[in-house]
Amino acid sequence: YNIFVSGGTGSGKTTFLNALSYYIPKEERIITIEDSAELQILEAP
């Protein structure tokens, strides 16, 4: 499902998005695009 996370400044959007990303199956190819690298997706080969 395509998921959009919304909220105000300091509401934890990036943290929540990062946590959601851990449910992505490990065999999939993930591309992250950011203004300033903040996401910490550590277990995606």
PDB file of all heavy atoms in Angstrom:
ATOM      1  N   TYR A   1       0.851  -1.178   0.000  1.00  0.00           N
ATOM      2  CA  TYR A   1       0.000   0.000   0.000  1.00  0.00           C
ATOM      3  C   TYR A   1       0.896   1.240   0.000  1.00  0.00           C
ATOM      4  O   TYR A   1       1.956   1.264   0.648  1.00  0.00           O
ATOM      5  CB  TYR A   1      -0.900   0.017   1.237  1.00  0.00           C
ATOM      6  CG  TYR A   1      -2.122  -0.875   1.121  1.00  0.00           C
ATOM      7  CD1 TYR A   1      -1.997  -2.267   1.174  1.00  0.00           C
ATOM      8  CD2 TYR A   1      -3.397  -0.328   0.949  1.00  0.00           C
ATOM      9  CE1 TYR A   1      -3.111  -3.088   1.062  1.00  0.00           C
ATOM     10  CE2 TYR A   1      -4.512  -1.152   0.841  1.00  0.00           C
ATOM     11  CZ  TYR A   1      -4.363  -2.531   0.897  1.00  0.00           C
ATOM     12  OH  TYR A   1      -5.468  -3.339   0.783  1.00  0.00           O
ATOM     13  N   ASN A   2       0.498   2.269  -0.727  1.00  0.00           N
ATOM     14  CA  ASN A   2       1.229   3.534  -0.744  1.00  0.00           C
ATOM     15  C   ASN A   2       0.826   4.347   0.485  1.00  0.00           C
ATOM     16  O   ASN A   2      -0.354   4.671   0.656  1.00  0.00           O
ATOM     17  CB  ASN A   2       0.931   4.324  -2.012  1.00  0.00           C
ATOM     18  CG  ASN A   2       1.419   3.609  -3.258  1.00  0.00           C
ATOM     19  OD1 ASN A   2       2.442   2.926  -3.238  1.00  0.00           O
ATOM     20  ND2 ASN A   2       0.682   3.739  -4.360  1.00  0.00           N
ATOM     21  N   ILE A   3       1.790   4.664   1.322  1.00  0.00           N
ATOM     22  CA  ILE A   3       1.504   5.290   2.616  1.00  0.00           C
ATOM     23  C   ILE A   3       2.171   6.657   2.709  1.00  0.00           C
ATOM     24  O   ILE A   3       3.353   6.805   2.391  1.00  0.00           O
ATOM     25  CB  ILE A   3       1.982   4.388   3.776  1.00  0.00           C
ATOM     26  CG1 ILE A   3       1.243   3.048   3.722  1.00  0.00           C
ATOM     27  CG2 ILE A   3       1.760   5.068   5.124  1.00  0.00           C
ATOM     28  CD1 ILE A   3       1.726   2.035   4.746  1.00  0.00           C
ATOM     29  N   PHE A   4       1.400   7.643   3.142  1.00  0.00           N
ATOM     30  CA  PHE A   4       1.902   9.001   3.328  1.00  0.00           C
ATOM     31  C   PHE A   4       1.786   9.350   4.814  1.00  0.00           C
ATOM     32  O   PHE A   4       0.729   9.161   5.414  1.00  0.00           O
ATOM     33  CB  PHE A   4       1.076   9.982   2.497  1.00  0.00           C
ATOM     34  CG  PHE A   4       1.865  11.150   1.982  1.00  0.00           C
ATOM     35  CD1 PHE A   4       2.437  11.130   0.720  1.00  0.00           C
ATOM     36  CD2 PHE A   4       2.066  12.262   2.776  1.00  0.00           C
ATOM     37  CE1 PHE A   4       3.179  12.201   0.255  1.00  0.00           C
ATOM     38  CE2 PHE A   4       2.797  13.334   2.327  1.00  0.00           C
ATOM     39  CZ  PHE A   4       3.359  13.314   1.061  1.00  0.00           C
ATOM     40  N   VAL A   5       2.880   9.835   5.391  1.00  0.00           N
ATOM     41  CA  VAL A   5       2.902  10.207   6.810  1.00  0.00           C
ATOM     42  C   VAL A   5       2.882  11.723   6.907  1.00  0.00           C
ATOM     43  O   VAL A   5       3.758  12.401   6.364  1.00  0.00           O
ATOM     44  CB  VAL A   5       4.161   9.653   7.522  1.00  0.00           C
ATOM     45  CG1 VAL A   5       4.135  10.026   8.999  1.00  0.00           C
ATOM     46  CG2 VAL A   5       4.246   8.133   7.354  1.00  0.00           C
ATOM     47  N   SER A   6       1.880  12.266   7.594  1.00  0.00           N
ATOM     48  CA  SER A   6       1.757  13.727   7.722  1.00  0.00           C
ATOM     49  C   SER A   6       1.866  14.128   9.191  1.00  0.00           C
ATOM     50  O   SER A   6       1.709  13.309  10.092  1.00  0.00           O
ATOM     51  CB  SER A   6       0.424  14.199   7.140  1.00  0.00           C
ATOM     52  OG  SER A   6      -0.672  13.731   7.922  1.00  0.00           O
ATOM     53  N   GLY A   7       2.107  15.414   9.403  1.00  0.00           N
ATOM     54  CA  GLY A   7       2.203  15.913  10.770  1.00  0.00           C
ATOM     55  C   GLY A   7       2.906  17.255  10.808  1.00  0.00           C
ATOM     56  O   GLY A   7       3.459  17.713   9.803  1.00  0.00           O
ATOM     57  N   GLY A   8       2.888  17.880  11.964  1.00  0.00           N
ATOM     58  CA  GLY A   8       3.557  19.159  12.139  1.00  0.00           C
ATOM     59  C   GLY A   8       5.038  18.981  12.404  1.00  0.00           C
ATOM     60  O   GLY A   8       5.553  17.862  12.485  1.00  0.00           O
ATOM     61  N   THR A   9       5.727  20.113  12.562  1.00  0.00           N
ATOM     62  CA  THR A   9       7.156  20.081  12.872  1.00  0.00           C
ATOM     63  C   THR A   9       7.390  19.382  14.216  1.00  0.00           C
ATOM     64  O   THR A   9       6.716  19.675  15.196  1.00  0.00           O
ATOM     65  CB  THR A   9       7.716  21.512  12.931  1.00  0.00           C
ATOM     66  OG1 THR A   9       7.486  22.145  11.677  1.00  0.00           O
ATOM     67  CG2 THR A   9       9.208  21.499  13.235  1.00  0.00           C
ATOM     68  N   GLY A  10       8.330  18.446  14.240  1.00  0.00           N
ATOM     69  CA  GLY A  10       8.663  17.761  15.484  1.00  0.00           C
ATOM     70  C   GLY A  10       7.666  16.707  15.915  1.00  0.00           C
ATOM     71  O   GLY A  10       7.710  16.238  17.057  1.00  0.00           O
ATOM     72  N   SER A  11       6.764  16.304  15.016  1.00  0.00           N
ATOM     73  CA  SER A  11       5.759  15.300  15.388  1.00  0.00           C
ATOM     74  C   SER A  11       6.276  13.875  15.239  1.00  0.00           C
ATOM     75  O   SER A  11       5.610  12.921  15.653  1.00  0.00           O
ATOM     76  CB  SER A  11       4.489  15.486  14.546  1.00  0.00           C
ATOM     77  OG  SER A  11       4.775  15.376  13.159  1.00  0.00           O
ATOM     78  N   GLY A  12       7.460  13.702  14.631  1.00  0.00           N
ATOM     79  CA  GLY A  12       8.043  12.368  14.510  1.00  0.00           C
ATOM     80  C   GLY A  12       7.803  11.692  13.177  1.00  0.00           C
ATOM     81  O   GLY A  12       7.814  10.459  13.095  1.00  0.00           O
ATOM     82  N   LYS A  13       7.618  12.478  12.117  1.00  0.00           N
ATOM     83  CA  LYS A  13       7.322  11.902  10.795  1.00  0.00           C
ATOM     84  C   LYS A  13       8.454  11.020  10.276  1.00  0.00           C
ATOM     85  O   LYS A  13       8.223   9.889   9.829  1.00  0.00           O
ATOM     86  CB  LYS A  13       7.039  13.028   9.780  1.00  0.00           C
ATOM     87  CG  LYS A  13       5.842  13.887  10.122  1.00  0.00           C
ATOM     88  CD  LYS A  13       5.569  14.921   9.051  1.00  0.00           C
ATOM     89  CE  LYS A  13       6.693  15.928   8.896  1.00  0.00           C
ATOM     90  NZ  LYS A  13       6.902  16.758  10.105  1.00  0.00           N
ATOM     91  N   THR A  14       9.674  11.537  10.324  1.00  0.00           N
ATOM     92  CA  THR A  14      10.816  10.765   9.821  1.00  0.00           C
ATOM     93  C   THR A  14      11.031   9.506  10.649  1.00  0.00           C
ATOM     94  O   THR A  14      11.306   8.426  10.109  1.00  0.00           O
ATOM     95  CB  THR A  14      12.091  11.634   9.832  1.00  0.00           C
ATOM     96  OG1 THR A  14      11.873  12.798   9.028  1.00  0.00           O
ATOM     97  CG2 THR A  14      13.280  10.867   9.284  1.00  0.00           C
ATOM     98  N   THR A  15      10.897   9.625  11.963  1.00  0.00           N
ATOM     99  CA  THR A  15      11.048   8.467  12.855  1.00  0.00           C
ATOM    100  C   THR A  15      10.017   7.397  12.514  1.00  0.00           C
ATOM    101  O   THR A  15      10.333   6.202  12.434  1.00  0.00           O
ATOM    102  CB  THR A  15      10.887   8.905  14.322  1.00  0.00           C
ATOM    103  OG1 THR A  15      11.912   9.851  14.641  1.00  0.00           O
ATOM    104  CG2 THR A  15      10.985   7.717  15.259  1.00  0.00           C
ATOM    105  N   PHE A  16       8.765   7.814  12.299  1.00  0.00           N
ATOM    106  CA  PHE A  16       7.690   6.871  11.990  1.00  0.00           C
ATOM    107  C   PHE A  16       7.926   6.217  10.629  1.00  0.00           C
ATOM    108  O   PHE A  16       7.756   5.005  10.474  1.00  0.00           O
ATOM    109  CB  PHE A  16       6.343   7.594  12.013  1.00  0.00           C
ATOM    110  CG  PHE A  16       5.157   6.679  12.106  1.00  0.00           C
ATOM    111  CD1 PHE A  16       4.627   6.326  13.332  1.00  0.00           C
ATOM    112  CD2 PHE A  16       4.570   6.164  10.961  1.00  0.00           C
ATOM    113  CE1 PHE A  16       3.539   5.468  13.425  1.00  0.00           C
ATOM    114  CE2 PHE A  16       3.484   5.305  11.037  1.00  0.00           C
ATOM    115  CZ  PHE A  16       2.961   4.963  12.280  1.00  0.00           C
ATOM    116  N   LEU A  17       8.328   7.021   9.642  1.00  0.00           N
ATOM    117  CA  LEU A  17       8.603   6.484   8.307  1.00  0.00           C
ATOM    118  C   LEU A  17       9.731   5.462   8.364  1.00  0.00           C
ATOM    119  O   LEU A  17       9.671   4.407   7.729  1.00  0.00           O
ATOM    120  CB  LEU A  17       8.978   7.636   7.365  1.00  0.00           C
ATOM    121  CG  LEU A  17       9.288   7.266   5.911  1.00  0.00           C
ATOM    122  CD1 LEU A  17       8.049   6.685   5.236  1.00  0.00           C
ATOM    123  CD2 LEU A  17       9.780   8.485   5.139  1.00  0.00           C
ATOM    124  N   ASN A  18      10.738   5.767   9.143  1.00  0.00           N
ATOM    125  CA  ASN A  18      11.874   4.851   9.303  1.00  0.00           C
ATOM    126  C   ASN A  18      11.423   3.532   9.929  1.00  0.00           C
ATOM    127  O   ASN A  18      11.833   2.449   9.495  1.00  0.00           O
ATOM    128  CB  ASN A  18      12.939   5.514  10.172  1.00  0.00           C
ATOM    129  CG  ASN A  18      14.305   4.934   9.959  1.00  0.00           C
ATOM    130  OD1 ASN A  18      14.993   5.287   9.009  1.00  0.00           O
ATOM    131  ND2 ASN A  18      14.710   4.025  10.828  1.00  0.00           N
ATOM    132  N   ALA A  19      10.562   3.636  10.955  1.00  0.00           N
ATOM    133  CA  ALA A  19      10.059   2.430  11.622  1.00  0.00           C
ATOM    134  C   ALA A  19       9.200   1.590  10.665  1.00  0.00           C
ATOM    135  O   ALA A  19       9.295   0.358  10.648  1.00  0.00           O
ATOM    136  CB  ALA A  19       9.259   2.816  12.858  1.00  0.00           C
ATOM    137  N   LEU A  20       8.376   2.255   9.865  1.00  0.00           N
ATOM    138  CA  LEU A  20       7.542   1.539   8.882  1.00  0.00           C
ATOM    139  C   LEU A  20       8.390   0.771   7.876  1.00  0.00           C
ATOM    140  O   LEU A  20       8.035  -0.326   7.440  1.00  0.00           O
ATOM    141  CB  LEU A  20       6.653   2.526   8.122  1.00  0.00           C
ATOM    142  CG  LEU A  20       5.316   2.944   8.720  1.00  0.00           C
ATOM    143  CD1 LEU A  20       4.609   3.893   7.770  1.00  0.00           C
ATOM    144  CD2 LEU A  20       4.433   1.737   9.008  1.00  0.00           C
ATOM    145  N   SER A  21       9.531   1.360   7.495  1.00  0.00           N
ATOM    146  CA  SER A  21      10.359   0.776   6.438  1.00  0.00           C
ATOM    147  C   SER A  21      10.915  -0.598   6.829  1.00  0.00           C
ATOM    148  O   SER A  21      11.290  -1.385   5.956  1.00  0.00           O
ATOM    149  CB  SER A  21      11.506   1.717   6.080  1.00  0.00           C
ATOM    150  OG  SER A  21      12.444   1.796   7.143  1.00  0.00           O
ATOM    151  N   TYR A  22      10.967  -0.898   8.123  1.00  0.00           N
ATOM    152  CA  TYR A  22      11.496  -2.193   8.557  1.00  0.00           C
ATOM    153  C   TYR A  22      10.559  -3.351   8.218  1.00  0.00           C
ATOM    154  O   TYR A  22      10.957  -4.515   8.311  1.00  0.00           O
ATOM    155  CB  TYR A  22      11.807  -2.170  10.053  1.00  0.00           C
ATOM    156  CG  TYR A  22      13.142  -1.527  10.338  1.00  0.00           C
ATOM    157  CD1 TYR A  22      13.250  -0.154  10.435  1.00  0.00           C
ATOM    158  CD2 TYR A  22      14.301  -2.287  10.458  1.00  0.00           C
ATOM    159  CE1 TYR A  22      14.473   0.463  10.658  1.00  0.00           C
ATOM    160  CE2 TYR A  22      15.523  -1.697  10.686  1.00  0.00           C
ATOM    161  CZ  TYR A  22      15.603  -0.317  10.790  1.00  0.00           C
ATOM    162  OH  TYR A  22      16.824   0.283  11.005  1.00  0.00           O
ATOM    163  N   TYR A  23       9.325  -3.043   7.824  1.00  0.00           N
ATOM    164  CA  TYR A  23       8.398  -4.094   7.421  1.00  0.00           C
ATOM    165  C   TYR A  23       8.522  -4.441   5.937  1.00  0.00           C
ATOM    166  O   TYR A  23       7.859  -5.358   5.451  1.00  0.00           O
ATOM    167  CB  TYR A  23       6.961  -3.679   7.735  1.00  0.00           C
ATOM    168  CG  TYR A  23       6.683  -3.539   9.214  1.00  0.00           C
ATOM    169  CD1 TYR A  23       6.164  -2.357   9.733  1.00  0.00           C
ATOM    170  CD2 TYR A  23       6.939  -4.582  10.087  1.00  0.00           C
ATOM    171  CE1 TYR A  23       5.900  -2.225  11.098  1.00  0.00           C
ATOM    172  CE2 TYR A  23       6.683  -4.461  11.445  1.00  0.00           C
ATOM    173  CZ  TYR A  23       6.168  -3.275  11.943  1.00  0.00           C
ATOM    174  OH  TYR A  23       5.925  -3.156  13.284  1.00  0.00           O
ATOM    175  N   ILE A  24       9.340  -3.699   5.202  1.00  0.00           N
ATOM    176  CA  ILE A  24       9.531  -3.992   3.784  1.00  0.00           C
ATOM    177  C   ILE A  24      10.318  -5.301   3.661  1.00  0.00           C
ATOM    178  O   ILE A  24      11.359  -5.463   4.299  1.00  0.00           O
ATOM    179  CB  ILE A  24      10.296  -2.844   3.084  1.00  0.00           C
ATOM    180  CG1 ILE A  24       9.473  -1.550   3.142  1.00  0.00           C
ATOM    181  CG2 ILE A  24      10.607  -3.210   1.634  1.00  0.00           C
ATOM    182  CD1 ILE A  24      10.207  -0.332   2.608  1.00  0.00           C
ATOM    183  N   PRO A  25       9.848  -6.243   2.859  1.00  0.00           N
ATOM    184  CA  PRO A  25      10.572  -7.514   2.701  1.00  0.00           C
ATOM    185  C   PRO A  25      12.022  -7.290   2.278  1.00  0.00           C
ATOM    186  O   PRO A  25      12.313  -6.416   1.459  1.00  0.00           O
ATOM    187  CB  PRO A  25       9.769  -8.235   1.606  1.00  0.00           C
ATOM    188  CG  PRO A  25       8.377  -7.679   1.744  1.00  0.00           C
ATOM    189  CD  PRO A  25       8.572  -6.238   2.121  1.00  0.00           C
ATOM    190  N   LYS A  26      12.931  -8.070   2.849  1.00  0.00           N
ATOM    191  CA  LYS A  26      14.370  -7.867   2.658  1.00  0.00           C
ATOM    192  C   LYS A  26      14.822  -8.079   1.216  1.00  0.00           C
ATOM    193  O   LYS A  26      15.870  -7.578   0.808  1.00  0.00           O
ATOM    194  CB  LYS A  26      15.165  -8.809   3.586  1.00  0.00           C
ATOM    195  CG  LYS A  26      14.903  -8.563   5.069  1.00  0.00           C
ATOM    196  CD  LYS A  26      15.361  -7.170   5.488  1.00  0.00           C
ATOM    197  CE  LYS A  26      15.126  -6.906   6.967  1.00  0.00           C
ATOM    198  NZ  LYS A  26      13.746  -6.518   7.262  1.00  0.00           N
ATOM    199  N   GLU A  27      14.060  -8.840   0.416  1.00  0.00           N
ATOM    200  CA  GLU A  27      14.493  -9.115  -0.955  1.00  0.00           C
ATOM    201  C   GLU A  27      14.192  -7.955  -1.913  1.00  0.00           C
ATOM    202  O   GLU A  27      14.595  -7.992  -3.083  1.00  0.00           O
ATOM    203  CB  GLU A  27      13.847 -10.408  -1.483  1.00  0.00           C
ATOM    204  CG  GLU A  27      12.324 -10.351  -1.629  1.00  0.00           C
ATOM    205  CD  GLU A  27      11.584 -10.752  -0.360  1.00  0.00           C
ATOM    206  OE1 GLU A  27      12.239 -10.824   0.712  1.00  0.00           O
ATOM    207  OE2 GLU A  27      10.372 -10.993  -0.447  1.00  0.00           O
ATOM    208  N   GLU A  28      13.499  -6.921  -1.439  1.00  0.00           N
ATOM    209  CA  GLU A  28      13.118  -5.823  -2.326  1.00  0.00           C
ATOM    210  C   GLU A  28      14.199  -4.746  -2.386  1.00  0.00           C
ATOM    211  O   GLU A  28      14.946  -4.528  -1.442  1.00  0.00           O
ATOM    212  CB  GLU A  28      11.788  -5.219  -1.860  1.00  0.00           C
ATOM    213  CG  GLU A  28      10.627  -6.183  -2.002  1.00  0.00           C
ATOM    214  CD  GLU A  28       9.286  -5.513  -1.730  1.00  0.00           C
ATOM    215  OE1 GLU A  28       9.237  -4.275  -1.725  1.00  0.00           O
ATOM    216  OE2 GLU A  28       8.300  -6.242  -1.530  1.00  0.00           O
ATOM    217  N   ARG A  29      14.240  -4.065  -3.533  1.00  0.00           N
ATOM    218  CA  ARG A  29      15.201  -2.974  -3.760  1.00  0.00           C
ATOM    219  C   ARG A  29      14.549  -1.654  -3.348  1.00  0.00           C
ATOM    220  O   ARG A  29      13.515  -1.265  -3.892  1.00  0.00           O
ATOM    221  CB  ARG A  29      15.608  -2.938  -5.229  1.00  0.00           C
ATOM    222  CG  ARG A  29      16.604  -1.831  -5.601  1.00  0.00           C
ATOM    223  CD  ARG A  29      17.081  -2.051  -7.028  1.00  0.00           C
ATOM    224  NE  ARG A  29      17.860  -0.966  -7.571  1.00  0.00           N
ATOM    225  CZ  ARG A  29      19.172  -0.785  -7.378  1.00  0.00           C
ATOM    226  NH1 ARG A  29      19.822  -1.644  -6.599  1.00  0.00           N
ATOM    227  NH2 ARG A  29      19.822   0.204  -7.944  1.00  0.00           N
ATOM    228  N   ILE A  30      15.177  -0.979  -2.390  1.00  0.00           N
ATOM    229  CA  ILE A  30      14.638   0.265  -1.838  1.00  0.00           C
ATOM    230  C   ILE A  30      15.531   1.429  -2.250  1.00  0.00           C
ATOM    231  O   ILE A  30      16.756   1.358  -2.135  1.00  0.00           O
ATOM    232  CB  ILE A  30      14.573   0.212  -0.298  1.00  0.00           C
ATOM    233  CG1 ILE A  30      13.801  -1.023   0.173  1.00  0.00           C
ATOM    234  CG2 ILE A  30      13.955   1.483   0.258  1.00  0.00           C
ATOM    235  CD1 ILE A  30      13.895  -1.265   1.670  1.00  0.00           C
ATOM    236  N   ILE A  31      14.911   2.508  -2.713  1.00  0.00           N
ATOM    237  CA  ILE A  31      15.652   3.732  -3.026  1.00  0.00           C
ATOM    238  C   ILE A  31      15.111   4.846  -2.143  1.00  0.00           C
ATOM    239  O   ILE A  31      13.905   5.126  -2.145  1.00  0.00           O
ATOM    240  CB  ILE A  31      15.521   4.104  -4.508  1.00  0.00           C
ATOM    241  CG1 ILE A  31      16.159   3.014  -5.373  1.00  0.00           C
ATOM    242  CG2 ILE A  31      16.188   5.450  -4.782  1.00  0.00           C
ATOM    243  CD1 ILE A  31      16.078   3.248  -6.855  1.00  0.00           C
ATOM    244  N   THR A  32      15.982   5.465  -1.349  1.00  0.00           N
ATOM    245  CA  THR A  32      15.568   6.585  -0.505  1.00  0.00           C
ATOM    246  C   THR A  32      16.094   7.886  -1.098  1.00  0.00           C
ATOM    247  O   THR A  32      17.225   7.949  -1.592  1.00  0.00           O
ATOM    248  CB  THR A  32      16.084   6.437   0.940  1.00  0.00           C
ATOM    249  OG1 THR A  32      17.507   6.526   0.966  1.00  0.00           O
ATOM    250  CG2 THR A  32      15.644   5.114   1.535  1.00  0.00           C
ATOM    251  N   ILE A  33      15.262   8.913  -1.041  1.00  0.00           N
ATOM    252  CA  ILE A  33      15.590  10.227  -1.604  1.00  0.00           C
ATOM    253  C   ILE A  33      15.293  11.265  -0.537  1.00  0.00           C
ATOM    254  O   ILE A  33      14.166  11.355  -0.036  1.00  0.00           O
ATOM    255  CB  ILE A  33      14.751  10.500  -2.871  1.00  0.00           C
ATOM    256  CG1 ILE A  33      15.084   9.460  -3.954  1.00  0.00           C
ATOM    257  CG2 ILE A  33      14.975  11.912  -3.391  1.00  0.00           C
ATOM    258  CD1 ILE A  33      14.141   9.482  -5.146  1.00  0.00           C
ATOM    259  N   GLU A  34      16.308  12.073  -0.190  1.00  0.00           N
ATOM    260  CA  GLU A  34      16.142  13.038   0.892  1.00  0.00           C
ATOM    261  C   GLU A  34      16.893  14.331   0.605  1.00  0.00           C
ATOM    262  O   GLU A  34      17.879  14.341  -0.136  1.00  0.00           O
ATOM    263  CB  GLU A  34      16.669  12.451   2.207  1.00  0.00           C
ATOM    264  CG  GLU A  34      15.999  11.167   2.645  1.00  0.00           C
ATOM    265  CD  GLU A  34      16.647  10.601   3.881  1.00  0.00           C
ATOM    266  OE1 GLU A  34      16.292  11.047   4.990  1.00  0.00           O
ATOM    267  OE2 GLU A  34      17.526   9.735   3.753  1.00  0.00           O
ATOM    268  N   ASP A  35      16.411  15.414   1.222  1.00  0.00           N
ATOM    269  CA  ASP A  35      17.136  16.688   1.191  1.00  0.00           C
ATOM    270  C   ASP A  35      18.419  16.572   2.003  1.00  0.00           C
ATOM    271  O   ASP A  35      19.478  17.022   1.595  1.00  0.00           O
ATOM    272  CB  ASP A  35      16.272  17.808   1.786  1.00  0.00           C
ATOM    273  CG  ASP A  35      15.534  18.575   0.704  1.00  0.00           C
ATOM    274  OD1 ASP A  35      15.993  18.546  -0.446  1.00  0.00           O
ATOM    275  OD2 ASP A  35      14.506  19.190   1.003  1.00  0.00           O
ATOM    276  N   SER A  36      18.274  16.016   3.186  1.00  0.00           N
ATOM    277  CA  SER A  36      19.409  15.786   4.075  1.00  0.00           C
ATOM    278  C   SER A  36      19.217  14.403   4.671  1.00  0.00           C
ATOM    279  O   SER A  36      18.186  14.132   5.285  1.00  0.00           O
ATOM    280  CB  SER A  36      19.445  16.855   5.179  1.00  0.00           C
ATOM    281  OG  SER A  36      20.566  16.702   5.999  1.00  0.00           O
ATOM    282  N   ALA A  37      20.177  13.519   4.451  1.00  0.00           N
ATOM    283  CA  ALA A  37      20.006  12.106   4.797  1.00  0.00           C
ATOM    284  C   ALA A  37      19.711  11.915   6.285  1.00  0.00           C
ATOM    285  O   ALA A  37      20.532  12.243   7.132  1.00  0.00           O
ATOM    286  CB  ALA A  37      21.258  11.321   4.406  1.00  0.00           C
ATOM    287  N   GLU A  38      18.506  11.406   6.587  1.00  0.00           N
ATOM    288  CA  GLU A  38      18.079  11.204   7.968  1.00  0.00           C
ATOM    289  C   GLU A  38      17.611   9.780   8.222  1.00  0.00           C
ATOM    290  O   GLU A  38      17.702   9.285   9.343  1.00  0.00           O
ATOM    291  CB  GLU A  38      16.931  12.169   8.315  1.00  0.00           C
ATOM    292  CG  GLU A  38      17.303  13.632   8.198  1.00  0.00           C
ATOM    293  CD  GLU A  38      16.084  14.537   8.325  1.00  0.00           C
ATOM    294  OE1 GLU A  38      15.001  14.027   8.688  1.00  0.00           O
ATOM    295  OE2 GLU A  38      16.204  15.734   8.047  1.00  0.00           O
ATOM    296  N   LEU A  39      17.073   9.138   7.204  1.00  0.00           N
ATOM    297  CA  LEU A  39      16.542   7.787   7.377  1.00  0.00           C
ATOM    298  C   LEU A  39      17.665   6.826   7.753  1.00  0.00           C
ATOM    299  O   LEU A  39      18.787   6.932   7.251  1.00  0.00           O
ATOM    300  CB  LEU A  39      15.853   7.317   6.094  1.00  0.00           C
ATOM    301  CG  LEU A  39      14.564   8.061   5.726  1.00  0.00           C
ATOM    302  CD1 LEU A  39      14.107   7.681   4.324  1.00  0.00           C
ATOM    303  CD2 LEU A  39      13.466   7.772   6.739  1.00  0.00           C
ATOM    304  N   GLN A  40      17.354   5.890   8.644  1.00  0.00           N
ATOM    305  CA  GLN A  40      18.341   4.916   9.131  1.00  0.00           C
ATOM    306  C   GLN A  40      17.833   3.505   8.868  1.00  0.00           C
ATOM    307  O   GLN A  40      17.541   2.750   9.789  1.00  0.00           O
ATOM    308  CB  GLN A  40      18.588   5.128  10.626  1.00  0.00           C
ATOM    309  CG  GLN A  40      19.159   6.494  10.979  1.00  0.00           C
ATOM    310  CD  GLN A  40      19.185   6.723  12.478  1.00  0.00           C
ATOM    311  OE1 GLN A  40      18.148   6.923  13.102  1.00  0.00           O
ATOM    312  NE2 GLN A  40      20.365   6.684  13.068  1.00  0.00           N
ATOM    313  N   ILE A  41      17.721   3.152   7.608  1.00  0.00           N
ATOM    314  CA  ILE A  41      17.251   1.816   7.230  1.00  0.00           C
ATOM    315  C   ILE A  41      18.480   0.910   7.176  1.00  0.00           C
ATOM    316  O   ILE A  41      19.236   0.927   6.212  1.00  0.00           O
ATOM    317  CB  ILE A  41      16.519   1.854   5.874  1.00  0.00           C
ATOM    318  CG1 ILE A  41      15.392   2.891   5.916  1.00  0.00           C
ATOM    319  CG2 ILE A  41      15.960   0.479   5.524  1.00  0.00           C
ATOM    320  CD1 ILE A  41      14.711   3.125   4.588  1.00  0.00           C
ATOM    321  N   LEU A  42      18.683   0.125   8.223  1.00  0.00           N
ATOM    322  CA  LEU A  42      19.944  -0.594   8.385  1.00  0.00           C
ATOM    323  C   LEU A  42      19.914  -2.025   7.886  1.00  0.00           C
ATOM    324  O   LEU A  42      20.951  -2.595   7.575  1.00  0.00           O
ATOM    325  CB  LEU A  42      20.350  -0.579   9.871  1.00  0.00           C
ATOM    326  CG  LEU A  42      20.489   0.795  10.529  1.00  0.00           C
ATOM    327  CD1 LEU A  42      20.856   0.632  11.988  1.00  0.00           C
ATOM    328  CD2 LEU A  42      21.528   1.639   9.803  1.00  0.00           C
ATOM    329  N   GLU A  43      18.741  -2.635   7.818  1.00  0.00           N
ATOM    330  CA  GLU A  43      18.680  -4.070   7.545  1.00  0.00           C
ATOM    331  C   GLU A  43      18.194  -4.397   6.134  1.00  0.00           C
ATOM    332  O   GLU A  43      17.748  -5.507   5.875  1.00  0.00           O
ATOM    333  CB  GLU A  43      17.778  -4.749   8.583  1.00  0.00           C
ATOM    334  CG  GLU A  43      18.333  -4.639  10.005  1.00  0.00           C
ATOM    335  CD  GLU A  43      17.443  -5.317  11.025  1.00  0.00           C
ATOM    336  OE1 GLU A  43      16.509  -6.028  10.606  1.00  0.00           O
ATOM    337  OE2 GLU A  43      17.680  -5.142  12.234  1.00  0.00           O
ATOM    338  N   ALA A  44      18.279  -3.431   5.215  1.00  0.00           N
ATOM    339  CA  ALA A  44      17.878  -3.674   3.829  1.00  0.00           C
ATOM    340  C   ALA A  44      19.134  -3.924   2.992  1.00  0.00           C
ATOM    341  O   ALA A  44      19.934  -3.009   2.786  1.00  0.00           O
ATOM    342  CB  ALA A  44      17.108  -2.477   3.281  1.00  0.00           C
ATOM    343  N   PRO A  45      19.357  -5.145   2.523  1.00  0.00           N
ATOM    344  CA  PRO A  45      20.590  -5.437   1.770  1.00  0.00           C
ATOM    345  C   PRO A  45      20.672  -4.713   0.434  1.00  0.00           C
ATOM    346  O   PRO A  45      21.755  -4.339  -0.006  1.00  0.00           O
ATOM    347  CB  PRO A  45      20.539  -6.958   1.583  1.00  0.00           C
ATOM    348  CG  PRO A  45      19.112  -7.340   1.772  1.00  0.00           C
ATOM    349  CD  PRO A  45      18.534  -6.343   2.721  1.00  0.00           C
TER     350      PRO A  45
END
